[in-house]
PDB file of N, CA and C in Angstrom:
ATOM      1  N   ASN A   1      69.266-112.026 102.802  1.00  0.00           N
ATOM      2  CA  ASN A   1      69.675-112.214 104.185  1.00  0.00           C
ATOM      3  C   ASN A   1      69.788-110.864 104.882  1.00  0.00           C
ATOM      4  N   GLN A   2      69.010-110.721 105.929  1.00  0.00           N
ATOM      5  CA  GLN A   2      69.053-109.478 106.684  1.00  0.00           C
ATOM      6  C   GLN A   2      69.920-109.674 107.913  1.00  0.00           C
ATOM      7  N   LEU A   3      70.756-108.691 108.159  1.00  0.00           N
ATOM      8  CA  LEU A   3      71.604-108.741 109.340  1.00  0.00           C
ATOM      9  C   LEU A   3      70.793-108.367 110.568  1.00  0.00           C
ATOM     10  N   PRO A   4      71.011-109.034 111.686  1.00  0.00           N
ATOM     11  CA  PRO A   4      70.274-108.683 112.904  1.00  0.00           C
ATOM     12  C   PRO A   4      70.717-107.312 113.426  1.00  0.00           C
ATOM     13  N   ASN A   5      69.738-106.556 113.910  1.00  0.00           N
ATOM     14  CA  ASN A   5      70.051-105.257 114.497  1.00  0.00           C
ATOM     15  C   ASN A   5      68.984-104.903 115.518  1.00  0.00           C
ATOM     16  N   ASN A   6      69.160-103.801 116.201  1.00  0.00           N
ATOM     17  CA  ASN A   6      68.225-103.365 117.233  1.00  0.00           C
ATOM     18  C   ASN A   6      67.175-102.392 116.713  1.00  0.00           C
ATOM     19  N   ILE A   7      67.240-102.017 115.458  1.00  0.00           N
ATOM     20  CA  ILE A   7      66.302-101.045 114.900  1.00  0.00           C
ATOM     21  C   ILE A   7      65.009-101.752 114.520  1.00  0.00           C
ATOM     22  N   ARG A   8      63.904-101.283 115.075  1.00  0.00           N
ATOM     23  CA  ARG A   8      62.592-101.861 114.772  1.00  0.00           C
ATOM     24  C   ARG A   8      61.875-101.068 113.684  1.00  0.00           C
ATOM     25  N   GLU A   9      61.974 -99.740 113.779  1.00  0.00           N
ATOM     26  CA  GLU A   9      61.280 -98.888 112.817  1.00  0.00           C
ATOM     27  C   GLU A   9      61.983 -97.539 112.735  1.00  0.00           C
ATOM     28  N   ILE A  10      62.057 -97.020 111.524  1.00  0.00           N
ATOM     29  CA  ILE A  10      62.582 -95.676 111.309  1.00  0.00           C
ATOM     30  C   ILE A  10      61.521 -94.906 110.546  1.00  0.00           C
ATOM     31  N   ALA A  11      61.052 -93.814 111.130  1.00  0.00           N
ATOM     32  CA  ALA A  11      59.991 -93.039 110.489  1.00  0.00           C
ATOM     33  C   ALA A  11      60.552 -91.926 109.617  1.00  0.00           C
ATOM     34  N   LEU A  12      61.675 -91.354 110.009  1.00  0.00           N
ATOM     35  CA  LEU A  12      62.201 -90.215 109.265  1.00  0.00           C
ATOM     36  C   LEU A  12      63.709 -90.139 109.420  1.00  0.00           C
ATOM     37  N   ILE A  13      64.364 -89.975 108.299  1.00  0.00           N
ATOM     38  CA  ILE A  13      65.800 -89.711 108.291  1.00  0.00           C
ATOM     39  C   ILE A  13      66.009 -88.463 107.453  1.00  0.00           C
ATOM     40  N   VAL A  14      66.752 -87.522 107.982  1.00  0.00           N
ATOM     41  CA  VAL A  14      67.032 -86.291 107.248  1.00  0.00           C
ATOM     42  C   VAL A  14      68.521 -86.237 106.956  1.00  0.00           C
ATOM     43  N   LEU A  15      68.840 -86.078 105.694  1.00  0.00           N
ATOM     44  CA  LEU A  15      70.220 -85.870 105.276  1.00  0.00           C
ATOM     45  C   LEU A  15      70.301 -84.474 104.674  1.00  0.00           C
ATOM     46  N   GLN A  16      71.208 -83.685 105.181  1.00  0.00           N
ATOM     47  CA  GLN A  16      71.355 -82.328 104.672  1.00  0.00           C
ATOM     48  C   GLN A  16      72.757 -82.185 104.105  1.00  0.00           C
ATOM     49  N   PHE A  17      72.814 -81.822 102.830  1.00  0.00           N
ATOM     50  CA  PHE A  17      74.094 -81.646 102.162  1.00  0.00           C
ATOM     51  C   PHE A  17      74.298 -80.164 101.861  1.00  0.00           C
ATOM     52  N   ARG A  18      75.462 -79.672 102.180  1.00  0.00           N
ATOM     53  CA  ARG A  18      75.813 -78.286 101.872  1.00  0.00           C
ATOM     54  C   ARG A  18      77.149 -78.308 101.146  1.00  0.00           C
ATOM     55  N   ALA A  19      77.279 -77.400 100.204  1.00  0.00           N
ATOM     56  CA  ALA A  19      78.515 -77.336  99.433  1.00  0.00           C
ATOM     57  C   ALA A  19      78.990 -75.895  99.350  1.00  0.00           C
ATOM     58  N   GLU A  20      80.276 -75.741  99.309  1.00  0.00           N
ATOM     59  CA  GLU A  20      80.858 -74.422  99.082  1.00  0.00           C
ATOM     60  C   GLU A  20      80.783 -74.143  97.586  1.00  0.00           C
ATOM     61  N   ILE A  21      80.148 -73.044  97.231  1.00  0.00           N
ATOM     62  CA  ILE A  21      79.992 -72.676  95.834  1.00  0.00           C
ATOM     63  C   ILE A  21      81.114 -71.719  95.461  1.00  0.00           C
ATOM     64  N   GLY A  22      81.875 -72.101  94.458  1.00  0.00           N
ATOM     65  CA  GLY A  22      82.967 -71.245  94.004  1.00  0.00           C
ATOM     66  C   GLY A  22      82.458 -70.123  93.113  1.00  0.00           C
ATOM     67  N   SER A  23      83.315 -69.181  92.837  1.00  0.00           N
ATOM     68  CA  SER A  23      82.926 -68.035  92.013  1.00  0.00           C
ATOM     69  C   SER A  23      82.707 -68.426  90.556  1.00  0.00           C
ATOM     70  N   GLU A  24      83.241 -69.563  90.141  1.00  0.00           N
ATOM     71  CA  GLU A  24      83.081 -69.988  88.745  1.00  0.00           C
ATOM     72  C   GLU A  24      81.704 -70.597  88.467  1.00  0.00           C
ATOM     73  N   VAL A  25      80.937 -70.891  89.511  1.00  0.00           N
ATOM     74  CA  VAL A  25      79.602 -71.472  89.341  1.00  0.00           C
ATOM     75  C   VAL A  25      78.588 -70.343  89.199  1.00  0.00           C
ATOM     76  N   LYS A  26      77.835 -70.395  88.120  1.00  0.00           N
ATOM     77  CA  LYS A  26      76.821 -69.376  87.851  1.00  0.00           C
ATOM     78  C   LYS A  26      75.498 -69.788  88.490  1.00  0.00           C
ATOM     79  N   LEU A  27      74.703 -68.793  88.896  1.00  0.00           N
ATOM     80  CA  LEU A  27      73.425 -69.043  89.560  1.00  0.00           C
ATOM     81  C   LEU A  27      72.468 -69.881  88.705  1.00  0.00           C
ATOM     82  N   PRO A  28      72.301 -69.601  87.401  1.00  0.00           N
ATOM     83  CA  PRO A  28      71.410 -70.453  86.589  1.00  0.00           C
ATOM     84  C   PRO A  28      71.873 -71.911  86.520  1.00  0.00           C
ATOM     85  N   ASP A  29      73.201 -72.120  86.485  1.00  0.00           N
ATOM     86  CA  ASP A  29      73.725 -73.489  86.466  1.00  0.00           C
ATOM     87  C   ASP A  29      73.412 -74.210  87.772  1.00  0.00           C
ATOM     88  N   MET A  30      73.536 -73.486  88.886  1.00  0.00           N
ATOM     89  CA  MET A  30      73.246 -74.086  90.186  1.00  0.00           C
ATOM     90  C   MET A  30      71.763 -74.457  90.292  1.00  0.00           C
ATOM     91  N   LYS A  31      70.885 -73.562  89.819  1.00  0.00           N
ATOM     92  CA  LYS A  31      69.451 -73.853  89.860  1.00  0.00           C
ATOM     93  C   LYS A  31      69.106 -75.040  88.974  1.00  0.00           C
ATOM     94  N   GLU A  32      69.732 -75.126  87.809  1.00  0.00           N
ATOM     95  CA  GLU A  32      69.493 -76.257  86.907  1.00  0.00           C
ATOM     96  C   GLU A  32      69.961 -77.562  87.548  1.00  0.00           C
ATOM     97  N   TYR A  33      71.100 -77.526  88.237  1.00  0.00           N
ATOM     98  CA  TYR A  33      71.601 -78.710  88.932  1.00  0.00           C
ATOM     99  C   TYR A  33      70.629 -79.143  90.035  1.00  0.00           C
ATOM    100  N   GLU A  34      70.133 -78.171  90.815  1.00  0.00           N
ATOM    101  CA  GLU A  34      69.171 -78.495  91.870  1.00  0.00           C
ATOM    102  C   GLU A  34      67.898 -79.087  91.280  1.00  0.00           C
ATOM    103  N   ARG A  35      67.414 -78.511  90.183  1.00  0.00           N
ATOM    104  CA  ARG A  35      66.202 -79.032  89.546  1.00  0.00           C
ATOM    105  C   ARG A  35      66.417 -80.438  88.997  1.00  0.00           C
ATOM    106  N   SER A  36      67.611 -80.715  88.502  1.00  0.00           N
ATOM    107  CA  SER A  36      67.881 -82.063  87.986  1.00  0.00           C
ATOM    108  C   SER A  36      67.871 -83.089  89.116  1.00  0.00           C
ATOM    109  N   ILE A  37      68.338 -82.700  90.298  1.00  0.00           N
ATOM    110  CA  ILE A  37      68.291 -83.610  91.449  1.00  0.00           C
ATOM    111  C   ILE A  37      66.841 -83.883  91.840  1.00  0.00           C
ATOM    112  N   VAL A  38      66.034 -82.825  91.932  1.00  0.00           N
ATOM    113  CA  VAL A  38      64.620 -82.980  92.277  1.00  0.00           C
ATOM    114  C   VAL A  38      63.920 -83.853  91.246  1.00  0.00           C
ATOM    115  N   GLU A  39      64.181 -83.592  89.967  1.00  0.00           N
ATOM    116  CA  GLU A  39      63.538 -84.360  88.894  1.00  0.00           C
ATOM    117  C   GLU A  39      63.931 -85.829  88.944  1.00  0.00           C
ATOM    118  N   TYR A  40      65.194 -86.114  89.248  1.00  0.00           N
ATOM    119  CA  TYR A  40      65.629 -87.506  89.338  1.00  0.00           C
ATOM    120  C   TYR A  40      64.854 -88.252  90.423  1.00  0.00           C
ATOM    121  N   PHE A  41      64.751 -87.659  91.600  1.00  0.00           N
ATOM    122  CA  PHE A  41      64.071 -88.355  92.693  1.00  0.00           C
ATOM    123  C   PHE A  41      62.559 -88.405  92.505  1.00  0.00           C
ATOM    124  N   GLN A  42      61.981 -87.461  91.761  1.00  0.00           N
ATOM    125  CA  GLN A  42      60.544 -87.498  91.511  1.00  0.00           C
ATOM    126  C   GLN A  42      60.176 -88.477  90.402  1.00  0.00           C
ATOM    127  N   LYS A  43      61.022 -88.607  89.376  1.00  0.00           N
ATOM    128  CA  LYS A  43      60.646 -89.390  88.195  1.00  0.00           C
ATOM    129  C   LYS A  43      61.374 -90.719  88.066  1.00  0.00           C
ATOM    130  N   ASP A  44      62.659 -90.749  88.384  1.00  0.00           N
ATOM    131  CA  ASP A  44      63.461 -91.939  88.097  1.00  0.00           C
ATOM    132  C   ASP A  44      63.662 -92.863  89.293  1.00  0.00           C
ATOM    133  N   PHE A  45      63.799 -92.311  90.476  1.00  0.00           N
ATOM    134  CA  PHE A  45      64.084 -93.122  91.659  1.00  0.00           C
ATOM    135  C   PHE A  45      62.828 -93.854  92.108  1.00  0.00           C
ATOM    136  N   LYS A  46      62.912 -95.166  92.197  1.00  0.00           N
ATOM    137  CA  LYS A  46      61.782 -95.990  92.624  1.00  0.00           C
ATOM    138  C   LYS A  46      62.231 -96.890  93.777  1.00  0.00           C
ATOM    139  N   SER A  47      61.461 -96.870  94.850  1.00  0.00           N
ATOM    140  CA  SER A  47      61.750 -97.733  95.985  1.00  0.00           C
ATOM    141  C   SER A  47      60.468 -97.977  96.765  1.00  0.00           C
ATOM    142  N   ASP A  48      60.276 -99.221  97.185  1.00  0.00           N
ATOM    143  CA  ASP A  48      59.130 -99.557  98.019  1.00  0.00           C
ATOM    144  C   ASP A  48      59.387 -99.215  99.487  1.00  0.00           C
ATOM    145  N   LEU A  49      60.633 -99.055  99.848  1.00  0.00           N
ATOM    146  CA  LEU A  49      60.991 -98.845 101.246  1.00  0.00           C
ATOM    147  C   LEU A  49      61.292 -97.391 101.587  1.00  0.00           C
ATOM    148  N   ILE A  50      61.721 -96.627 100.598  1.00  0.00           N
ATOM    149  CA  ILE A  50      62.186 -95.271 100.872  1.00  0.00           C
ATOM    150  C   ILE A  50      61.357 -94.259 100.097  1.00  0.00           C
ATOM    151  N   SER A  51      60.903 -93.241 100.794  1.00  0.00           N
ATOM    152  CA  SER A  51      60.229 -92.108 100.162  1.00  0.00           C
ATOM    153  C   SER A  51      61.147 -90.901 100.300  1.00  0.00           C
ATOM    154  N   VAL A  52      61.631 -90.388  99.173  1.00  0.00           N
ATOM    155  CA  VAL A  52      62.601 -89.297  99.183  1.00  0.00           C
ATOM    156  C   VAL A  52      61.900 -87.984  98.869  1.00  0.00           C
ATOM    157  N   ASN A  53      62.118 -87.000  99.715  1.00  0.00           N
ATOM    158  CA  ASN A  53      61.634 -85.638  99.482  1.00  0.00           C
ATOM    159  C   ASN A  53      62.845 -84.720  99.437  1.00  0.00           C
ATOM    160  N   VAL A  54      63.070 -84.124  98.282  1.00  0.00           N
ATOM    161  CA  VAL A  54      64.216 -83.241  98.104  1.00  0.00           C
ATOM    162  C   VAL A  54      63.739 -81.800  98.201  1.00  0.00           C
ATOM    163  N   LEU A  55      64.396 -81.015  99.026  1.00  0.00           N
ATOM    164  CA  LEU A  55      64.058 -79.604  99.183  1.00  0.00           C
ATOM    165  C   LEU A  55      65.284 -78.767  98.853  1.00  0.00           C
ATOM    166  N   THR A  56      65.159 -77.964  97.820  1.00  0.00           N
ATOM    167  CA  THR A  56      66.220 -77.028  97.463  1.00  0.00           C
ATOM    168  C   THR A  56      65.611 -75.632  97.411  1.00  0.00           C
ATOM    169  N   ASP A  57      66.449 -74.622  97.492  1.00  0.00           N
ATOM    170  CA  ASP A  57      65.947 -73.244  97.470  1.00  0.00           C
ATOM    171  C   ASP A  57      65.173 -72.947  96.194  1.00  0.00           C
ATOM    172  N   SER A  58      65.724 -73.341  95.060  1.00  0.00           N
ATOM    173  CA  SER A  58      65.054 -73.035  93.789  1.00  0.00           C
ATOM    174  C   SER A  58      63.745 -73.809  93.651  1.00  0.00           C
ATOM    175  N   PHE A  59      63.703 -75.049  94.129  1.00  0.00           N
ATOM    176  CA  PHE A  59      62.484 -75.858  94.047  1.00  0.00           C
ATOM    177  C   PHE A  59      61.393 -75.274  94.950  1.00  0.00           C
ATOM    178  N   ILE A  60      61.755 -74.918  96.171  1.00  0.00           N
ATOM    179  CA  ILE A  60      60.778 -74.354  97.108  1.00  0.00           C
ATOM    180  C   ILE A  60      60.241 -73.024  96.574  1.00  0.00           C
ATOM    181  N   THR A  61      61.126 -72.197  96.027  1.00  0.00           N
ATOM    182  CA  THR A  61      60.697 -70.914  95.465  1.00  0.00           C
ATOM    183  C   THR A  61      59.723 -71.116  94.315  1.00  0.00           C
ATOM    184  N   SER A  62      60.036 -72.032  93.416  1.00  0.00           N
ATOM    185  CA  SER A  62      59.141 -72.270  92.273  1.00  0.00           C
ATOM    186  C   SER A  62      57.805 -72.853  92.724  1.00  0.00           C
ATOM    187  N   GLU A  63      57.794 -73.686  93.754  1.00  0.00           N
ATOM    188  CA  GLU A  63      56.542 -74.249  94.261  1.00  0.00           C
ATOM    189  C   GLU A  63      55.687 -73.179  94.944  1.00  0.00           C
ATOM    190  N   ILE A  64      56.321 -72.263  95.668  1.00  0.00           N
ATOM    191  CA  ILE A  64      55.576 -71.174  96.308  1.00  0.00           C
ATOM    192  C   ILE A  64      54.942 -70.283  95.249  1.00  0.00           C
ATOM    193  N   VAL A  65      55.690 -69.963  94.201  1.00  0.00           N
ATOM    194  CA  VAL A  65      55.153 -69.131  93.119  1.00  0.00           C
ATOM    195  C   VAL A  65      54.010 -69.850  92.423  1.00  0.00           C
ATOM    196  N   ARG A  66      54.196 -71.136  92.131  1.00  0.00           N
ATOM    197  CA  ARG A  66      53.153 -71.915  91.451  1.00  0.00           C
ATOM    198  C   ARG A  66      51.890 -71.989  92.305  1.00  0.00           C
ATOM    199  N   SER A  67      52.034 -72.228  93.590  1.00  0.00           N
ATOM    200  CA  SER A  67      50.874 -72.295  94.485  1.00  0.00           C
ATOM    201  C   SER A  67      50.196 -70.940  94.609  1.00  0.00           C
ATOM    202  N   GLY A  68      50.987 -69.888  94.681  1.00  0.00           N
ATOM    203  CA  GLY A  68      50.419 -68.548  94.772  1.00  0.00           C
ATOM    204  C   GLY A  68      49.621 -68.178  93.541  1.00  0.00           C
ATOM    205  N   LEU A  69      50.097 -68.582  92.375  1.00  0.00           N
ATOM    206  CA  LEU A  69      49.370 -68.279  91.140  1.00  0.00           C
ATOM    207  C   LEU A  69      48.057 -69.051  91.052  1.00  0.00           C
ATOM    208  N   THR A  70      47.991 -70.235  91.648  1.00  0.00           N
ATOM    209  CA  THR A  70      46.726 -70.981  91.635  1.00  0.00           C
ATOM    210  C   THR A  70      45.690 -70.324  92.546  1.00  0.00           C
ATOM    211  N   LEU A  71      46.142 -69.546  93.534  1.00  0.00           N
ATOM    212  CA  LEU A  71      45.219 -68.867  94.447  1.00  0.00           C
ATOM    213  C   LEU A  71      44.766 -67.505  93.932  1.00  0.00           C
ATOM    214  N   LEU A  72      45.362 -67.033  92.853  1.00  0.00           N
ATOM    215  CA  LEU A  72      45.048 -65.710  92.327  1.00  0.00           C
ATOM    216  C   LEU A  72      43.571 -65.516  91.987  1.00  0.00           C
ATOM    217  N   PRO A  73      42.882 -66.478  91.349  1.00  0.00           N
ATOM    218  CA  PRO A  73      41.453 -66.279  91.081  1.00  0.00           C
ATOM    219  C   PRO A  73      40.630 -66.081  92.356  1.00  0.00           C
ATOM    220  N   PHE A  74      40.949 -66.792  93.417  1.00  0.00           N
ATOM    221  CA  PHE A  74      40.228 -66.645  94.680  1.00  0.00           C
ATOM    222  C   PHE A  74      40.475 -65.265  95.286  1.00  0.00           C
ATOM    223  N   LEU A  75      41.686 -64.750  95.131  1.00  0.00           N
ATOM    224  CA  LEU A  75      42.007 -63.415  95.620  1.00  0.00           C
ATOM    225  C   LEU A  75      41.189 -62.362  94.881  1.00  0.00           C
ATOM    226  N   VAL A  76      41.079 -62.499  93.572  1.00  0.00           N
ATOM    227  CA  VAL A  76      40.298 -61.547  92.771  1.00  0.00           C
ATOM    228  C   VAL A  76      38.824 -61.624  93.146  1.00  0.00           C
ATOM    229  N   ILE A  77      38.294 -62.832  93.264  1.00  0.00           N
ATOM    230  CA  ILE A  77      36.881 -63.005  93.635  1.00  0.00           C
ATOM    231  C   ILE A  77      36.619 -62.409  95.017  1.00  0.00           C
ATOM    232  N   GLY A  78      37.521 -62.643  95.958  1.00  0.00           N
ATOM    233  CA  GLY A  78      37.378 -62.082  97.302  1.00  0.00           C
ATOM    234  C   GLY A  78      37.390 -60.563  97.292  1.00  0.00           C
ATOM    235  N   PHE A  79      38.264 -59.976  96.478  1.00  0.00           N
ATOM    236  CA  PHE A  79      38.312 -58.517  96.391  1.00  0.00           C
ATOM    237  C   PHE A  79      37.024 -57.962  95.797  1.00  0.00           C
ATOM    238  N   VAL A  80      36.499 -58.609  94.758  1.00  0.00           N
ATOM    239  CA  VAL A  80      35.248 -58.152  94.134  1.00  0.00           C
ATOM    240  C   VAL A  80      34.097 -58.233  95.133  1.00  0.00           C
ATOM    241  N   ILE A  81      34.009 -59.332  95.876  1.00  0.00           N
ATOM    242  CA  ILE A  81      32.953 -59.481  96.884  1.00  0.00           C
ATOM    243  C   ILE A  81      33.085 -58.397  97.956  1.00  0.00           C
ATOM    244  N   MET A  82      34.306 -58.164  98.429  1.00  0.00           N
ATOM    245  CA  MET A  82      34.529 -57.154  99.466  1.00  0.00           C
ATOM    246  C   MET A  82      34.158 -55.758  98.964  1.00  0.00           C
ATOM    247  N   ALA A  83      34.585 -55.404  97.758  1.00  0.00           N
ATOM    248  CA  ALA A  83      34.287 -54.074  97.215  1.00  0.00           C
ATOM    249  C   ALA A  83      32.786 -53.894  97.006  1.00  0.00           C
ATOM    250  N   THR A  84      32.115 -54.932  96.505  1.00  0.00           N
ATOM    251  CA  THR A  84      30.666 -54.860  96.294  1.00  0.00           C
ATOM    252  C   THR A  84      29.934 -54.700  97.622  1.00  0.00           C
ATOM    253  N   PHE A  85      30.277 -55.522  98.598  1.00  0.00           N
ATOM    254  CA  PHE A  85      29.640 -55.462  99.913  1.00  0.00           C
ATOM    255  C   PHE A  85      29.858 -54.097 100.561  1.00  0.00           C
ATOM    256  N   SER A  86      31.085 -53.591 100.490  1.00  0.00           N
ATOM    257  CA  SER A  86      31.383 -52.283 101.092  1.00  0.00           C
ATOM    258  C   SER A  86      30.591 -51.174 100.416  1.00  0.00           C
ATOM    259  N   SER A  87      30.518 -51.201  99.096  1.00  0.00           N
ATOM    260  CA  SER A  87      29.771 -50.159  98.367  1.00  0.00           C
ATOM    261  C   SER A  87      28.288 -50.201  98.699  1.00  0.00           C
ATOM    262  N   ILE A  88      27.719 -51.390  98.732  1.00  0.00           N
ATOM    263  CA  ILE A  88      26.285 -51.525  99.019  1.00  0.00           C
ATOM    264  C   ILE A  88      25.977 -51.085 100.445  1.00  0.00           C
ATOM    265  N   THR A  89      26.736 -51.570 101.418  1.00  0.00           N
ATOM    266  CA  THR A  89      26.455 -51.209 102.811  1.00  0.00           C
ATOM    267  C   THR A  89      26.714 -49.728 103.069  1.00  0.00           C
ATOM    268  N   PHE A  90      27.718 -49.154 102.422  1.00  0.00           N
ATOM    269  CA  PHE A  90      27.972 -47.716 102.563  1.00  0.00           C
ATOM    270  C   PHE A  90      26.804 -46.914 101.996  1.00  0.00           C
ATOM    271  N   SER A  91      26.307 -47.308 100.839  1.00  0.00           N
ATOM    272  CA  SER A  91      25.172 -46.598 100.224  1.00  0.00           C
ATOM    273  C   SER A  91      23.916 -46.725 101.069  1.00  0.00           C
ATOM    274  N   ILE A  92      23.642 -47.907 101.590  1.00  0.00           N
ATOM    275  CA  ILE A  92      22.461 -48.112 102.438  1.00  0.00           C
ATOM    276  C   ILE A  92      22.570 -47.273 103.709  1.00  0.00           C
ATOM    277  N   SER A  93      23.744 -47.276 104.326  1.00  0.00           N
ATOM    278  CA  SER A  93      23.949 -46.503 105.549  1.00  0.00           C
ATOM    279  C   SER A  93      23.798 -45.005 105.289  1.00  0.00           C
ATOM    280  N   ALA A  94      24.372 -44.523 104.208  1.00  0.00           N
ATOM    281  CA  ALA A  94      24.277 -43.093 103.889  1.00  0.00           C
ATOM    282  C   ALA A  94      22.842 -42.697 103.571  1.00  0.00           C
ATOM    283  N   THR A  95      22.102 -43.565 102.894  1.00  0.00           N
ATOM    284  CA  THR A  95      20.700 -43.278 102.583  1.00  0.00           C
ATOM    285  C   THR A  95      19.867 -43.267 103.857  1.00  0.00           C
ATOM    286  N   ALA A  96      20.094 -44.226 104.737  1.00  0.00           N
ATOM    287  CA  ALA A  96      19.324 -44.317 105.978  1.00  0.00           C
ATOM    288  C   ALA A  96      19.578 -43.111 106.878  1.00  0.00           C
ATOM    289  N   LEU A  97      20.775 -42.595 106.875  1.00  0.00           N
ATOM    290  CA  LEU A  97      21.106 -41.440 107.714  1.00  0.00           C
ATOM    291  C   LEU A  97      20.911 -40.114 106.976  1.00  0.00           C
ATOM    292  N   LYS A  98      20.309 -40.192 105.806  1.00  0.00           N
ATOM    293  CA  LYS A  98      20.032 -39.017 104.966  1.00  0.00           C
ATOM    294  C   LYS A  98      21.300 -38.214 104.671  1.00  0.00           C
ATOM    295  N   GLN A  99      22.382 -38.938 104.453  1.00  0.00           N
ATOM    296  CA  GLN A  99      23.642 -38.303 104.091  1.00  0.00           C
ATOM    297  C   GLN A  99      23.980 -38.514 102.620  1.00  0.00           C
ATOM    298  N   MET A 100      23.160 -39.254 101.924  1.00  0.00           N
ATOM    299  CA  MET A 100      23.392 -39.512 100.510  1.00  0.00           C
ATOM    300  C   MET A 100      22.895 -38.312  99.719  1.00  0.00           C
ATOM    301  N   ASN A 101      23.775 -37.776  98.910  1.00  0.00           N
ATOM    302  CA  ASN A 101      23.438 -36.593  98.132  1.00  0.00           C
ATOM    303  C   ASN A 101      24.118 -36.724  96.778  1.00  0.00           C
ATOM    304  N   ILE A 102      23.458 -36.317  95.739  1.00  0.00           N
ATOM    305  CA  ILE A 102      24.029 -36.444  94.405  1.00  0.00           C
ATOM    306  C   ILE A 102      25.245 -35.552  94.228  1.00  0.00           C
ATOM    307  N   HIS A 103      25.359 -34.505  95.017  1.00  0.00           N
ATOM    308  CA  HIS A 103      26.473 -33.574  94.887  1.00  0.00           C
ATOM    309  C   HIS A 103      27.710 -34.031  95.655  1.00  0.00           C
ATOM    310  N   LYS A 104      27.607 -35.095  96.430  1.00  0.00           N
ATOM    311  CA  LYS A 104      28.766 -35.570  97.198  1.00  0.00           C
ATOM    312  C   LYS A 104      29.507 -36.642  96.450  1.00  0.00           C
TER     313      LYS A 104
END
């Protein structure tokens, strides 16, 4: 039985929770707690009506690092292409202007 209401559709609800962290709480414990919350909503929580996205500082940091590491091969390939292109065009330009010399 659904209660009558005026709400037709809800696209997004944001709940933000903040807590005062005491001096007795250690940083690794706090990160582990945040990761356990993220893991619960990613693996255990199931709902056909609600899609939960949890954002914590430690989770966002780890995702940025993980994404950055996946881009590392492209960065290396780009640097190799740039260095090769620069060396070739510099050599061609120096040869064309008769500035290429074995003693330089």
